Amino acid sequence: MALQLAADGNDPLAGAREDGLDEKEASQVTRTTIAGLPAAQLIAQDREVRMHLTWIAYQGHVYRVTGISARRAFETYREAFARTAASFRPLRRDERERMTEVRLRPRPARAGRASRPS
C-alpha cells in the first residue's frame, strides 16, 4: 500500500490523467466518494501485478492510494486494499492537535567505526 500526492486540483479523474492514466484506462475508472470526498477507482494490471488504484480529491490536491500485489494473490488482498482506500478522511481537530513532529538527524560515520545507533 502507498499513499502519494498525485496531482493538484479538485477532480480525481483529471488528477488520475495527470498522474499518467491513459484514455483507455480512464474509460474504465469508477467515480465514487470516500468520506464525502470525490474519488475515482480502477483495478489495473500488467503481466506480473494487479493494482487497486484510488484517486481522492482533497483541499486542492489529488492523492493516490495504491494497493499492489502479484496477479495470482490479488484477490487475497483486494478487500484490504479497498478498506485502506476507504479509510482516507480529513483529520479531526483533536487528531491534528495531538500530532508531533519527529526529525531524524543524520550523523556521518567515522572511518573504521561500525554504524550503529548511539
PDB file of N, CA and C in Angstrom:
ATOM      1  N   MET A   1       0.851  -1.178   0.000  1.00  0.00           N
ATOM      2  CA  MET A   1       0.000   0.000   0.000  1.00  0.00           C
ATOM      3  C   MET A   1       0.889   1.232   0.000  1.00  0.00           C
ATOM      4  N   ALA A   2       0.429   2.246  -0.703  1.00  0.00           N
ATOM      5  CA  ALA A   2       1.160   3.509  -0.731  1.00  0.00           C
ATOM      6  C   ALA A   2       0.160   4.649  -0.849  1.00  0.00           C
ATOM      7  N   LEU A   3       0.459   5.761  -0.203  1.00  0.00           N
ATOM      8  CA  LEU A   3      -0.299   6.998  -0.322  1.00  0.00           C
ATOM      9  C   LEU A   3       0.646   8.034  -0.886  1.00  0.00           C
ATOM     10  N   GLN A   4       0.252   8.645  -2.007  1.00  0.00           N
ATOM     11  CA  GLN A   4       1.107   9.625  -2.649  1.00  0.00           C
ATOM     12  C   GLN A   4       0.284  10.798  -3.153  1.00  0.00           C
ATOM     13  N   LEU A   5       0.909  11.971  -3.194  1.00  0.00           N
ATOM     14  CA  LEU A   5       0.312  13.127  -3.847  1.00  0.00           C
ATOM     15  C   LEU A   5       0.445  12.886  -5.342  1.00  0.00           C
ATOM     16  N   ALA A   6      -0.679  12.863  -6.073  1.00  0.00           N
ATOM     17  CA  ALA A   6      -0.657  12.536  -7.499  1.00  0.00           C
ATOM     18  C   ALA A   6      -0.725  13.770  -8.385  1.00  0.00           C
ATOM     19  N   ALA A   7      -1.483  14.792  -7.964  1.00  0.00           N
ATOM     20  CA  ALA A   7      -1.692  15.960  -8.818  1.00  0.00           C
ATOM     21  C   ALA A   7      -2.329  17.076  -8.001  1.00  0.00           C
ATOM     22  N   ASP A   8      -2.371  18.242  -8.586  1.00  0.00           N
ATOM     23  CA  ASP A   8      -3.124  19.353  -7.998  1.00  0.00           C
ATOM     24  C   ASP A   8      -4.497  19.378  -8.652  1.00  0.00           C
ATOM     25  N   GLY A   9      -5.496  19.880  -7.926  1.00  0.00           N
ATOM     26  CA  GLY A   9      -6.839  20.010  -8.484  1.00  0.00           C
ATOM     27  C   GLY A   9      -7.896  19.411  -7.595  1.00  0.00           C
ATOM     28  N   ASN A  10      -9.131  19.496  -8.084  1.00  0.00           N
ATOM     29  CA  ASN A  10     -10.277  19.022  -7.322  1.00  0.00           C
ATOM     30  C   ASN A  10     -11.062  17.924  -8.026  1.00  0.00           C
ATOM     31  N   ASP A  11     -10.573  17.459  -9.167  1.00  0.00           N
ATOM     32  CA  ASP A  11     -11.240  16.397  -9.918  1.00  0.00           C
ATOM     33  C   ASP A  11     -10.342  15.160  -9.897  1.00  0.00           C
ATOM     34  N   PRO A  12     -10.772  14.090  -9.233  1.00  0.00           N
ATOM     35  CA  PRO A  12      -9.908  12.911  -9.130  1.00  0.00           C
ATOM     36  C   PRO A  12      -9.586  12.269 -10.478  1.00  0.00           C
ATOM     37  N   LEU A  13     -10.515  12.302 -11.437  1.00  0.00           N
ATOM     38  CA  LEU A  13     -10.226  11.708 -12.742  1.00  0.00           C
ATOM     39  C   LEU A  13      -9.204  12.546 -13.507  1.00  0.00           C
ATOM     40  N   ALA A  14      -9.334  13.860 -13.462  1.00  0.00           N
ATOM     41  CA  ALA A  14      -8.328  14.730 -14.085  1.00  0.00           C
ATOM     42  C   ALA A  14      -6.971  14.520 -13.415  1.00  0.00           C
ATOM     43  N   GLY A  15      -6.990  14.365 -12.100  1.00  0.00           N
ATOM     44  CA  GLY A  15      -5.753  14.088 -11.372  1.00  0.00           C
ATOM     45  C   GLY A  15      -5.144  12.757 -11.773  1.00  0.00           C
ATOM     46  N   ALA A  16      -5.995  11.747 -11.999  1.00  0.00           N
ATOM     47  CA  ALA A  16      -5.507  10.430 -12.434  1.00  0.00           C
ATOM     48  C   ALA A  16      -4.862  10.535 -13.810  1.00  0.00           C
ATOM     49  N   ARG A  17      -5.459  11.317 -14.687  1.00  0.00           N
ATOM     50  CA  ARG A  17      -4.865  11.513 -16.018  1.00  0.00           C
ATOM     51  C   ARG A  17      -3.518  12.217 -15.889  1.00  0.00           C
ATOM     52  N   GLU A  18      -3.463  13.242 -15.058  1.00  0.00           N
ATOM     53  CA  GLU A  18      -2.191  13.951 -14.841  1.00  0.00           C
ATOM     54  C   GLU A  18      -1.160  13.018 -14.214  1.00  0.00           C
ATOM     55  N   ASP A  19      -1.624  12.058 -13.454  1.00  0.00           N
ATOM     56  CA  ASP A  19      -0.770  11.072 -12.793  1.00  0.00           C
ATOM     57  C   ASP A  19      -0.248  10.011 -13.765  1.00  0.00           C
ATOM     58  N   GLY A  20      -0.733  10.028 -15.015  1.00  0.00           N
ATOM     59  CA  GLY A  20      -0.227   9.094 -16.015  1.00  0.00           C
ATOM     60  C   GLY A  20      -1.243   8.106 -16.548  1.00  0.00           C
ATOM     61  N   LEU A  21      -2.489   8.187 -16.103  1.00  0.00           N
ATOM     62  CA  LEU A  21      -3.526   7.281 -16.584  1.00  0.00           C
ATOM     63  C   LEU A  21      -3.842   7.607 -18.040  1.00  0.00           C
ATOM     64  N   ASP A  22      -3.813   6.597 -18.920  1.00  0.00           N
ATOM     65  CA  ASP A  22      -4.124   6.854 -20.325  1.00  0.00           C
ATOM     66  C   ASP A  22      -5.640   6.823 -20.545  1.00  0.00           C
ATOM     67  N   GLU A  23      -6.072   7.226 -21.734  1.00  0.00           N
ATOM     68  CA  GLU A  23      -7.515   7.339 -22.015  1.00  0.00           C
ATOM     69  C   GLU A  23      -8.229   5.990 -21.963  1.00  0.00           C
ATOM     70  N   LYS A  24      -7.571   4.920 -22.392  1.00  0.00           N
ATOM     71  CA  LYS A  24      -8.200   3.601 -22.325  1.00  0.00           C
ATOM     72  C   LYS A  24      -8.487   3.235 -20.869  1.00  0.00           C
ATOM     73  N   GLU A  25      -7.505   3.449 -19.995  1.00  0.00           N
ATOM     74  CA  GLU A  25      -7.702   3.166 -18.566  1.00  0.00           C
ATOM     75  C   GLU A  25      -8.722   4.125 -17.958  1.00  0.00           C
ATOM     76  N   ALA A  26      -8.670   5.399 -18.372  1.00  0.00           N
ATOM     77  CA  ALA A  26      -9.594   6.408 -17.827  1.00  0.00           C
ATOM     78  C   ALA A  26     -11.043   6.032 -18.112  1.00  0.00           C
ATOM     79  N   SER A  27     -11.292   5.382 -19.234  1.00  0.00           N
ATOM     80  CA  SER A  27     -12.661   4.983 -19.569  1.00  0.00           C
ATOM     81  C   SER A  27     -13.165   3.860 -18.659  1.00  0.00           C
ATOM     82  N   GLN A  28     -12.272   3.208 -17.932  1.00  0.00           N
ATOM     83  CA  GLN A  28     -12.648   2.106 -17.042  1.00  0.00           C
ATOM     84  C   GLN A  28     -12.749   2.536 -15.578  1.00  0.00           C
ATOM     85  N   VAL A  29     -12.469   3.793 -15.295  1.00  0.00           N
ATOM     86  CA  VAL A  29     -12.498   4.314 -13.930  1.00  0.00           C
ATOM     87  C   VAL A  29     -13.933   4.405 -13.431  1.00  0.00           C
ATOM     88  N   THR A  30     -14.110   4.096 -12.165  1.00  0.00           N
ATOM     89  CA  THR A  30     -15.398   4.248 -11.499  1.00  0.00           C
ATOM     90  C   THR A  30     -15.323   5.469 -10.588  1.00  0.00           C
ATOM     91  N   ARG A  31     -16.239   6.414 -10.786  1.00  0.00           N
ATOM     92  CA  ARG A  31     -16.294   7.575  -9.893  1.00  0.00           C
ATOM     93  C   ARG A  31     -17.079   7.192  -8.645  1.00  0.00           C
ATOM     94  N   THR A  32     -16.623   7.683  -7.499  1.00  0.00           N
ATOM     95  CA  THR A  32     -17.265   7.370  -6.231  1.00  0.00           C
ATOM     96  C   THR A  32     -16.984   8.506  -5.253  1.00  0.00           C
ATOM     97  N   THR A  33     -17.364   8.338  -4.008  1.00  0.00           N
ATOM     98  CA  THR A  33     -16.978   9.275  -2.950  1.00  0.00           C
ATOM     99  C   THR A  33     -16.408   8.471  -1.795  1.00  0.00           C
ATOM    100  N   ILE A  34     -15.447   9.074  -1.123  1.00  0.00           N
ATOM    101  CA  ILE A  34     -14.842   8.483   0.071  1.00  0.00           C
ATOM    102  C   ILE A  34     -14.828   9.557   1.136  1.00  0.00           C
ATOM    103  N   ALA A  35     -15.485   9.300   2.255  1.00  0.00           N
ATOM    104  CA  ALA A  35     -15.610  10.279   3.341  1.00  0.00           C
ATOM    105  C   ALA A  35     -16.173  11.598   2.818  1.00  0.00           C
ATOM    106  N   GLY A  36     -17.101  11.513   1.853  1.00  0.00           N
ATOM    107  CA  GLY A  36     -17.712  12.703   1.281  1.00  0.00           C
ATOM    108  C   GLY A  36     -16.838  13.429   0.267  1.00  0.00           C
ATOM    109  N   LEU A  37     -15.671  12.875  -0.043  1.00  0.00           N
ATOM    110  CA  LEU A  37     -14.739  13.493  -0.986  1.00  0.00           C
ATOM    111  C   LEU A  37     -14.849  12.814  -2.342  1.00  0.00           C
ATOM    112  N   PRO A  38     -14.724  13.579  -3.439  1.00  0.00           N
ATOM    113  CA  PRO A  38     -14.778  12.949  -4.762  1.00  0.00           C
ATOM    114  C   PRO A  38     -13.594  12.015  -4.973  1.00  0.00           C
ATOM    115  N   ALA A  39     -13.878  10.857  -5.545  1.00  0.00           N
ATOM    116  CA  ALA A  39     -12.840   9.846  -5.747  1.00  0.00           C
ATOM    117  C   ALA A  39     -13.074   9.107  -7.055  1.00  0.00           C
ATOM    118  N   ALA A  40     -12.029   8.432  -7.506  1.00  0.00           N
ATOM    119  CA  ALA A  40     -12.091   7.597  -8.708  1.00  0.00           C
ATOM    120  C   ALA A  40     -11.273   6.345  -8.437  1.00  0.00           C
ATOM    121  N   GLN A  41     -11.772   5.194  -8.911  1.00  0.00           N
ATOM    122  CA  GLN A  41     -11.081   3.928  -8.643  1.00  0.00           C
ATOM    123  C   GLN A  41     -10.919   3.109  -9.917  1.00  0.00           C
ATOM    124  N   LEU A  42      -9.851   2.308  -9.934  1.00  0.00           N
ATOM    125  CA  LEU A  42      -9.544   1.461 -11.073  1.00  0.00           C
ATOM    126  C   LEU A  42      -8.751   0.250 -10.595  1.00  0.00           C
ATOM    127  N   ILE A  43      -9.070  -0.911 -11.139  1.00  0.00           N
ATOM    128  CA  ILE A  43      -8.237  -2.100 -10.975  1.00  0.00           C
ATOM    129  C   ILE A  43      -7.450  -2.225 -12.283  1.00  0.00           C
ATOM    130  N   ALA A  44      -6.129  -2.205 -12.189  1.00  0.00           N
ATOM    131  CA  ALA A  44      -5.267  -2.281 -13.378  1.00  0.00           C
ATOM    132  C   ALA A  44      -4.296  -3.435 -13.206  1.00  0.00           C
ATOM    133  N   GLN A  45      -3.735  -3.883 -14.320  1.00  0.00           N
ATOM    134  CA  GLN A  45      -2.773  -4.975 -14.231  1.00  0.00           C
ATOM    135  C   GLN A  45      -1.799  -4.923 -15.392  1.00  0.00           C
ATOM    136  N   ASP A  46      -0.679  -5.574 -15.175  1.00  0.00           N
ATOM    137  CA  ASP A  46       0.263  -5.840 -16.256  1.00  0.00           C
ATOM    138  C   ASP A  46       0.583  -7.326 -16.188  1.00  0.00           C
ATOM    139  N   ARG A  47       1.663  -7.743 -16.769  1.00  0.00           N
ATOM    140  CA  ARG A  47       1.969  -9.179 -16.797  1.00  0.00           C
ATOM    141  C   ARG A  47       2.203  -9.793 -15.429  1.00  0.00           C
ATOM    142  N   GLU A  48       2.714  -9.013 -14.489  1.00  0.00           N
ATOM    143  CA  GLU A  48       3.110  -9.569 -13.193  1.00  0.00           C
ATOM    144  C   GLU A  48       2.273  -9.121 -12.002  1.00  0.00           C
ATOM    145  N   VAL A  49       1.686  -7.939 -12.045  1.00  0.00           N
ATOM    146  CA  VAL A  49       0.988  -7.409 -10.873  1.00  0.00           C
ATOM    147  C   VAL A  49      -0.399  -6.886 -11.223  1.00  0.00           C
ATOM    148  N   ARG A  50      -1.232  -6.824 -10.183  1.00  0.00           N
ATOM    149  CA  ARG A  50      -2.531  -6.140 -10.252  1.00  0.00           C
ATOM    150  C   ARG A  50      -2.502  -5.038  -9.216  1.00  0.00           C
ATOM    151  N   MET A  51      -3.203  -3.944  -9.538  1.00  0.00           N
ATOM    152  CA  MET A  51      -3.204  -2.782  -8.658  1.00  0.00           C
ATOM    153  C   MET A  51      -4.624  -2.310  -8.403  1.00  0.00           C
ATOM    154  N   HIS A  52      -4.873  -1.937  -7.175  1.00  0.00           N
ATOM    155  CA  HIS A  52      -6.121  -1.288  -6.787  1.00  0.00           C
ATOM    156  C   HIS A  52      -5.758   0.182  -6.611  1.00  0.00           C
ATOM    157  N   LEU A  53      -6.206   1.021  -7.545  1.00  0.00           N
ATOM    158  CA  LEU A  53      -5.832   2.434  -7.557  1.00  0.00           C
ATOM    159  C   LEU A  53      -7.031   3.292  -7.183  1.00  0.00           C
ATOM    160  N   THR A  54      -6.830   4.220  -6.261  1.00  0.00           N
ATOM    161  CA  THR A  54      -7.882   5.144  -5.858  1.00  0.00           C
ATOM    162  C   THR A  54      -7.300   6.544  -5.821  1.00  0.00           C
ATOM    163  N   TRP A  55      -7.928   7.465  -6.551  1.00  0.00           N
ATOM    164  CA  TRP A  55      -7.533   8.874  -6.512  1.00  0.00           C
ATOM    165  C   TRP A  55      -8.606   9.624  -5.758  1.00  0.00           C
ATOM    166  N   ILE A  56      -8.188  10.456  -4.789  1.00  0.00           N
ATOM    167  CA  ILE A  56      -9.125  11.183  -3.939  1.00  0.00           C
ATOM    168  C   ILE A  56      -8.748  12.652  -3.953  1.00  0.00           C
ATOM    169  N   ALA A  57      -9.734  13.511  -4.237  1.00  0.00           N
ATOM    170  CA  ALA A  57      -9.504  14.958  -4.252  1.00  0.00           C
ATOM    171  C   ALA A  57      -9.782  15.518  -2.854  1.00  0.00           C
ATOM    172  N   TYR A  58      -8.825  16.297  -2.350  1.00  0.00           N
ATOM    173  CA  TYR A  58      -8.970  16.893  -1.024  1.00  0.00           C
ATOM    174  C   TYR A  58      -8.163  18.188  -0.958  1.00  0.00           C
ATOM    175  N   GLN A  59      -8.841  19.270  -0.679  1.00  0.00           N
ATOM    176  CA  GLN A  59      -8.231  20.590  -0.487  1.00  0.00           C
ATOM    177  C   GLN A  59      -7.271  20.980  -1.611  1.00  0.00           C
ATOM    178  N   GLY A  60      -7.731  20.862  -2.852  1.00  0.00           N
ATOM    179  CA  GLY A  60      -6.946  21.313  -3.986  1.00  0.00           C
ATOM    180  C   GLY A  60      -5.855  20.370  -4.445  1.00  0.00           C
ATOM    181  N   HIS A  61      -5.843  19.166  -3.912  1.00  0.00           N
ATOM    182  CA  HIS A  61      -4.857  18.164  -4.307  1.00  0.00           C
ATOM    183  C   HIS A  61      -5.564  16.837  -4.578  1.00  0.00           C
ATOM    184  N   VAL A  62      -4.944  16.013  -5.416  1.00  0.00           N
ATOM    185  CA  VAL A  62      -5.460  14.666  -5.665  1.00  0.00           C
ATOM    186  C   VAL A  62      -4.411  13.695  -5.148  1.00  0.00           C
ATOM    187  N   TYR A  63      -4.851  12.833  -4.236  1.00  0.00           N
ATOM    188  CA  TYR A  63      -3.980  11.827  -3.635  1.00  0.00           C
ATOM    189  C   TYR A  63      -4.287  10.474  -4.259  1.00  0.00           C
ATOM    190  N   ARG A  64      -3.251   9.646  -4.411  1.00  0.00           N
ATOM    191  CA  ARG A  64      -3.444   8.293  -4.929  1.00  0.00           C
ATOM    192  C   ARG A  64      -3.133   7.290  -3.821  1.00  0.00           C
ATOM    193  N   VAL A  65      -4.078   6.383  -3.584  1.00  0.00           N
ATOM    194  CA  VAL A  65      -3.882   5.256  -2.679  1.00  0.00           C
ATOM    195  C   VAL A  65      -3.729   4.027  -3.573  1.00  0.00           C
ATOM    196  N   THR A  66      -2.580   3.367  -3.467  1.00  0.00           N
ATOM    197  CA  THR A  66      -2.270   2.234  -4.339  1.00  0.00           C
ATOM    198  C   THR A  66      -2.063   0.963  -3.534  1.00  0.00           C
ATOM    199  N   GLY A  67      -2.785  -0.070  -3.892  1.00  0.00           N
ATOM    200  CA  GLY A  67      -2.545  -1.414  -3.364  1.00  0.00           C
ATOM    201  C   GLY A  67      -2.033  -2.256  -4.514  1.00  0.00           C
ATOM    202  N   ILE A  68      -0.948  -2.966  -4.312  1.00  0.00           N
ATOM    203  CA  ILE A  68      -0.341  -3.737  -5.398  1.00  0.00           C
ATOM    204  C   ILE A  68       0.050  -5.124  -4.897  1.00  0.00           C
ATOM    205  N   SER A  69      -0.193  -6.113  -5.746  1.00  0.00           N
ATOM    206  CA  SER A  69       0.201  -7.484  -5.391  1.00  0.00           C
ATOM    207  C   SER A  69       0.467  -8.272  -6.671  1.00  0.00           C
ATOM    208  N   ALA A  70       1.049  -9.442  -6.499  1.00  0.00           N
ATOM    209  CA  ALA A  70       1.195 -10.358  -7.619  1.00  0.00           C
ATOM    210  C   ALA A  70      -0.205 -10.682  -8.138  1.00  0.00           C
ATOM    211  N   ARG A  71      -0.336 -10.891  -9.430  1.00  0.00           N
ATOM    212  CA  ARG A  71      -1.657 -11.153 -10.021  1.00  0.00           C
ATOM    213  C   ARG A  71      -2.376 -12.302  -9.340  1.00  0.00           C
ATOM    214  N   ARG A  72      -1.664 -13.387  -9.082  1.00  0.00           N
ATOM    215  CA  ARG A  72      -2.325 -14.571  -8.516  1.00  0.00           C
ATOM    216  C   ARG A  72      -2.761 -14.369  -7.061  1.00  0.00           C
ATOM    217  N   ALA A  73      -2.196 -13.384  -6.367  1.00  0.00           N
ATOM    218  CA  ALA A  73      -2.543 -13.147  -4.963  1.00  0.00           C
ATOM    219  C   ALA A  73      -3.509 -11.970  -4.772  1.00  0.00           C
ATOM    220  N   PHE A  74      -3.863 -11.304  -5.853  1.00  0.00           N
ATOM    221  CA  PHE A  74      -4.651 -10.070  -5.735  1.00  0.00           C
ATOM    222  C   PHE A  74      -5.955 -10.261  -4.973  1.00  0.00           C
ATOM    223  N   GLU A  75      -6.700 -11.289  -5.282  1.00  0.00           N
ATOM    224  CA  GLU A  75      -8.000 -11.493  -4.624  1.00  0.00           C
ATOM    225  C   GLU A  75      -7.847 -11.672  -3.114  1.00  0.00           C
ATOM    226  N   THR A  76      -6.719 -12.172  -2.672  1.00  0.00           N
ATOM    227  CA  THR A  76      -6.453 -12.317  -1.237  1.00  0.00           C
ATOM    228  C   THR A  76      -6.408 -10.958  -0.555  1.00  0.00           C
ATOM    229  N   TYR A  77      -5.916  -9.952  -1.263  1.00  0.00           N
ATOM    230  CA  TYR A  77      -5.707  -8.620  -0.682  1.00  0.00           C
ATOM    231  C   TYR A  77      -6.721  -7.578  -1.125  1.00  0.00           C
ATOM    232  N   ARG A  78      -7.550  -7.909  -2.082  1.00  0.00           N
ATOM    233  CA  ARG A  78      -8.460  -6.922  -2.676  1.00  0.00           C
ATOM    234  C   ARG A  78      -9.293  -6.166  -1.640  1.00  0.00           C
ATOM    235  N   GLU A  79      -9.897  -6.874  -0.713  1.00  0.00           N
ATOM    236  CA  GLU A  79     -10.721  -6.215   0.316  1.00  0.00           C
ATOM    237  C   GLU A  79      -9.882  -5.307   1.218  1.00  0.00           C
ATOM    238  N   ALA A  80      -8.694  -5.752   1.580  1.00  0.00           N
ATOM    239  CA  ALA A  80      -7.812  -4.917   2.402  1.00  0.00           C
ATOM    240  C   ALA A  80      -7.426  -3.651   1.652  1.00  0.00           C
ATOM    241  N   PHE A  81      -7.155  -3.766   0.347  1.00  0.00           N
ATOM    242  CA  PHE A  81      -6.838  -2.586  -0.457  1.00  0.00           C
ATOM    243  C   PHE A  81      -8.024  -1.623  -0.465  1.00  0.00           C
ATOM    244  N   ALA A  82      -9.223  -2.155  -0.668  1.00  0.00           N
ATOM    245  CA  ALA A  82     -10.429  -1.321  -0.714  1.00  0.00           C
ATOM    246  C   ALA A  82     -10.695  -0.655   0.637  1.00  0.00           C
ATOM    247  N   ARG A  83     -10.553  -1.398   1.734  1.00  0.00           N
ATOM    248  CA  ARG A  83     -10.763  -0.826   3.071  1.00  0.00           C
ATOM    249  C   ARG A  83      -9.751   0.276   3.371  1.00  0.00           C
ATOM    250  N   THR A  84      -8.503   0.046   2.968  1.00  0.00           N
ATOM    251  CA  THR A  84      -7.470   1.053   3.218  1.00  0.00           C
ATOM    252  C   THR A  84      -7.793   2.338   2.466  1.00  0.00           C
ATOM    253  N   ALA A  85      -8.149   2.228   1.199  1.00  0.00           N
ATOM    254  CA  ALA A  85      -8.514   3.419   0.420  1.00  0.00           C
ATOM    255  C   ALA A  85      -9.727   4.112   1.028  1.00  0.00           C
ATOM    256  N   ALA A  86     -10.707   3.336   1.482  1.00  0.00           N
ATOM    257  CA  ALA A  86     -11.927   3.898   2.062  1.00  0.00           C
ATOM    258  C   ALA A  86     -11.682   4.559   3.412  1.00  0.00           C
ATOM    259  N   SER A  87     -10.532   4.311   4.031  1.00  0.00           N
ATOM    260  CA  SER A  87     -10.244   4.910   5.342  1.00  0.00           C
ATOM    261  C   SER A  87      -9.695   6.337   5.226  1.00  0.00           C
ATOM    262  N   PHE A  88      -9.399   6.795   3.998  1.00  0.00           N
ATOM    263  CA  PHE A  88      -8.913   8.159   3.797  1.00  0.00           C
ATOM    264  C   PHE A  88      -9.986   9.135   4.271  1.00  0.00           C
ATOM    265  N   ARG A  89      -9.585  10.103   5.075  1.00  0.00           N
ATOM    266  CA  ARG A  89     -10.520  11.123   5.557  1.00  0.00           C
ATOM    267  C   ARG A  89      -9.732  12.292   6.112  1.00  0.00           C
ATOM    268  N   PRO A  90     -10.369  13.454   6.190  1.00  0.00           N
ATOM    269  CA  PRO A  90      -9.700  14.590   6.827  1.00  0.00           C
ATOM    270  C   PRO A  90      -9.477  14.306   8.313  1.00  0.00           C
ATOM    271  N   LEU A  91      -8.378  14.812   8.842  1.00  0.00           N
ATOM    272  CA  LEU A  91      -8.122  14.674  10.272  1.00  0.00           C
ATOM    273  C   LEU A  91      -9.079  15.560  11.059  1.00  0.00           C
ATOM    274  N   ARG A  92      -9.535  15.071  12.192  1.00  0.00           N
ATOM    275  CA  ARG A  92     -10.321  15.902  13.097  1.00  0.00           C
ATOM    276  C   ARG A  92      -9.381  16.863  13.817  1.00  0.00           C
ATOM    277  N   ARG A  93      -9.917  17.927  14.336  1.00  0.00           N
ATOM    278  CA  ARG A  93      -9.102  18.937  15.025  1.00  0.00           C
ATOM    279  C   ARG A  93      -8.306  18.320  16.170  1.00  0.00           C
ATOM    280  N   ASP A  94      -8.947  17.466  16.990  1.00  0.00           N
ATOM    281  CA  ASP A  94      -8.227  16.867  18.121  1.00  0.00           C
ATOM    282  C   ASP A  94      -7.097  15.956  17.640  1.00  0.00           C
ATOM    283  N   GLU A  95      -7.278  15.277  16.517  1.00  0.00           N
ATOM    284  CA  GLU A  95      -6.208  14.436  15.968  1.00  0.00           C
ATOM    285  C   GLU A  95      -5.039  15.292  15.503  1.00  0.00           C
ATOM    286  N   ARG A  96      -5.370  16.386  14.840  1.00  0.00           N
ATOM    287  CA  ARG A  96      -4.333  17.290  14.344  1.00  0.00           C
ATOM    288  C   ARG A  96      -3.544  17.907  15.503  1.00  0.00           C
ATOM    289  N   GLU A  97      -4.222  18.240  16.585  1.00  0.00           N
ATOM    290  CA  GLU A  97      -3.559  18.859  17.737  1.00  0.00           C
ATOM    291  C   GLU A  97      -2.637  17.890  18.465  1.00  0.00           C
ATOM    292  N   ARG A  98      -2.913  16.596  18.399  1.00  0.00           N
ATOM    293  CA  ARG A  98      -2.075  15.597  19.062  1.00  0.00           C
ATOM    294  C   ARG A  98      -0.837  15.213  18.256  1.00  0.00           C
ATOM    295  N   MET A  99      -0.756  15.663  17.015  1.00  0.00           N
ATOM    296  CA  MET A  99       0.382  15.296  16.168  1.00  0.00           C
ATOM    297  C   MET A  99       1.646  15.986  16.667  1.00  0.00           C
ATOM    298  N   THR A 100       2.728  15.250  16.637  1.00  0.00           N
ATOM    299  CA  THR A 100       4.024  15.825  16.979  1.00  0.00           C
ATOM    300  C   THR A 100       4.999  15.523  15.845  1.00  0.00           C
ATOM    301  N   GLU A 101       5.950  16.382  15.706  1.00  0.00           N
ATOM    302  CA  GLU A 101       6.944  16.216  14.649  1.00  0.00           C
ATOM    303  C   GLU A 101       8.181  15.547  15.219  1.00  0.00           C
ATOM    304  N   VAL A 102       8.691  14.608  14.481  1.00  0.00           N
ATOM    305  CA  VAL A 102       9.925  13.936  14.855  1.00  0.00           C
ATOM    306  C   VAL A 102      10.880  14.079  13.678  1.00  0.00           C
ATOM    307  N   ARG A 103      12.076  14.532  13.956  1.00  0.00           N
ATOM    308  CA  ARG A 103      13.074  14.686  12.900  1.00  0.00           C
ATOM    309  C   ARG A 103      14.283  13.834  13.211  1.00  0.00           C
ATOM    310  N   LEU A 104      14.742  13.142  12.210  1.00  0.00           N
ATOM    311  CA  LEU A 104      15.971  12.369  12.336  1.00  0.00           C
ATOM    312  C   LEU A 104      17.107  13.225  11.806  1.00  0.00           C
ATOM    313  N   ARG A 105      18.193  13.222  12.516  1.00  0.00           N
ATOM    314  CA  ARG A 105      19.358  13.988  12.081  1.00  0.00           C
ATOM    315  C   ARG A 105      20.484  13.014  11.759  1.00  0.00           C
ATOM    316  N   PRO A 106      20.853  12.938  10.489  1.00  0.00           N
ATOM    317  CA  PRO A 106      21.929  12.007  10.135  1.00  0.00           C
ATOM    318  C   PRO A 106      23.261  12.471  10.699  1.00  0.00           C
ATOM    319  N   ARG A 107      24.075  11.522  11.070  1.00  0.00           N
ATOM    320  CA  ARG A 107      25.420  11.815  11.554  1.00  0.00           C
ATOM    321  C   ARG A 107      26.393  11.045  10.700  1.00  0.00           C
ATOM    322  N   PRO A 108      27.442  11.689  10.232  1.00  0.00           N
ATOM    323  CA  PRO A 108      28.406  10.976   9.392  1.00  0.00           C
ATOM    324  C   PRO A 108      29.140   9.906  10.196  1.00  0.00           C
ATOM    325  N   ALA A 109      29.376   8.784   9.550  1.00  0.00           N
ATOM    326  CA  ALA A 109      30.140   7.705  10.194  1.00  0.00           C
ATOM    327  C   ALA A 109      31.623   8.041  10.100  1.00  0.00           C
ATOM    328  N   ARG A 110      32.348   7.710  11.139  1.00  0.00           N
ATOM    329  CA  ARG A 110      33.794   7.915  11.130  1.00  0.00           C
ATOM    330  C   ARG A 110      34.486   6.680  10.581  1.00  0.00           C
ATOM    331  N   ALA A 111      35.558   6.883   9.904  1.00  0.00           N
ATOM    332  CA  ALA A 111      36.307   5.765   9.316  1.00  0.00           C
ATOM    333  C   ALA A 111      36.663   4.742  10.377  1.00  0.00           C
ATOM    334  N   GLY A 112      36.460   3.459  10.062  1.00  0.00           N
ATOM    335  CA  GLY A 112      36.814   2.382  10.959  1.00  0.00           C
ATOM    336  C   GLY A 112      35.797   2.145  12.061  1.00  0.00           C
ATOM    337  N   ARG A 113      34.694   2.838  12.043  1.00  0.00           N
ATOM    338  CA  ARG A 113      33.697   2.687  13.087  1.00  0.00           C
ATOM    339  C   ARG A 113      32.437   2.053  12.493  1.00  0.00           C
ATOM    340  N   ALA A 114      31.948   1.035  13.134  1.00  0.00           N
ATOM    341  CA  ALA A 114      30.735   0.380  12.679  1.00  0.00           C
ATOM    342  C   ALA A 114      29.561   1.340  12.849  1.00  0.00           C
ATOM    343  N   SER A 115      28.647   1.306  11.897  1.00  0.00           N
ATOM    344  CA  SER A 115      27.498   2.182  12.009  1.00  0.00           C
ATOM    345  C   SER A 115      26.458   1.507  12.888  1.00  0.00           C
ATOM    346  N   ARG A 116      26.094   2.176  13.979  1.00  0.00           N
ATOM    347  CA  ARG A 116      25.083   1.677  14.901  1.00  0.00           C
ATOM    348  C   ARG A 116      24.465   2.875  15.605  1.00  0.00           C
ATOM    349  N   PRO A 117      23.231   2.719  16.063  1.00  0.00           N
ATOM    350  CA  PRO A 117      22.570   3.833  16.754  1.00  0.00           C
ATOM    351  C   PRO A 117      23.338   4.206  18.017  1.00  0.00           C
ATOM    352  N   SER A 118      23.362   5.473  18.317  1.00  0.00           N
ATOM    353  CA  SER A 118      24.029   5.899  19.552  1.00  0.00           C
ATOM    354  C   SER A 118      23.052   6.483  20.529  1.00  0.00           C
TER     355      SER A 118
END
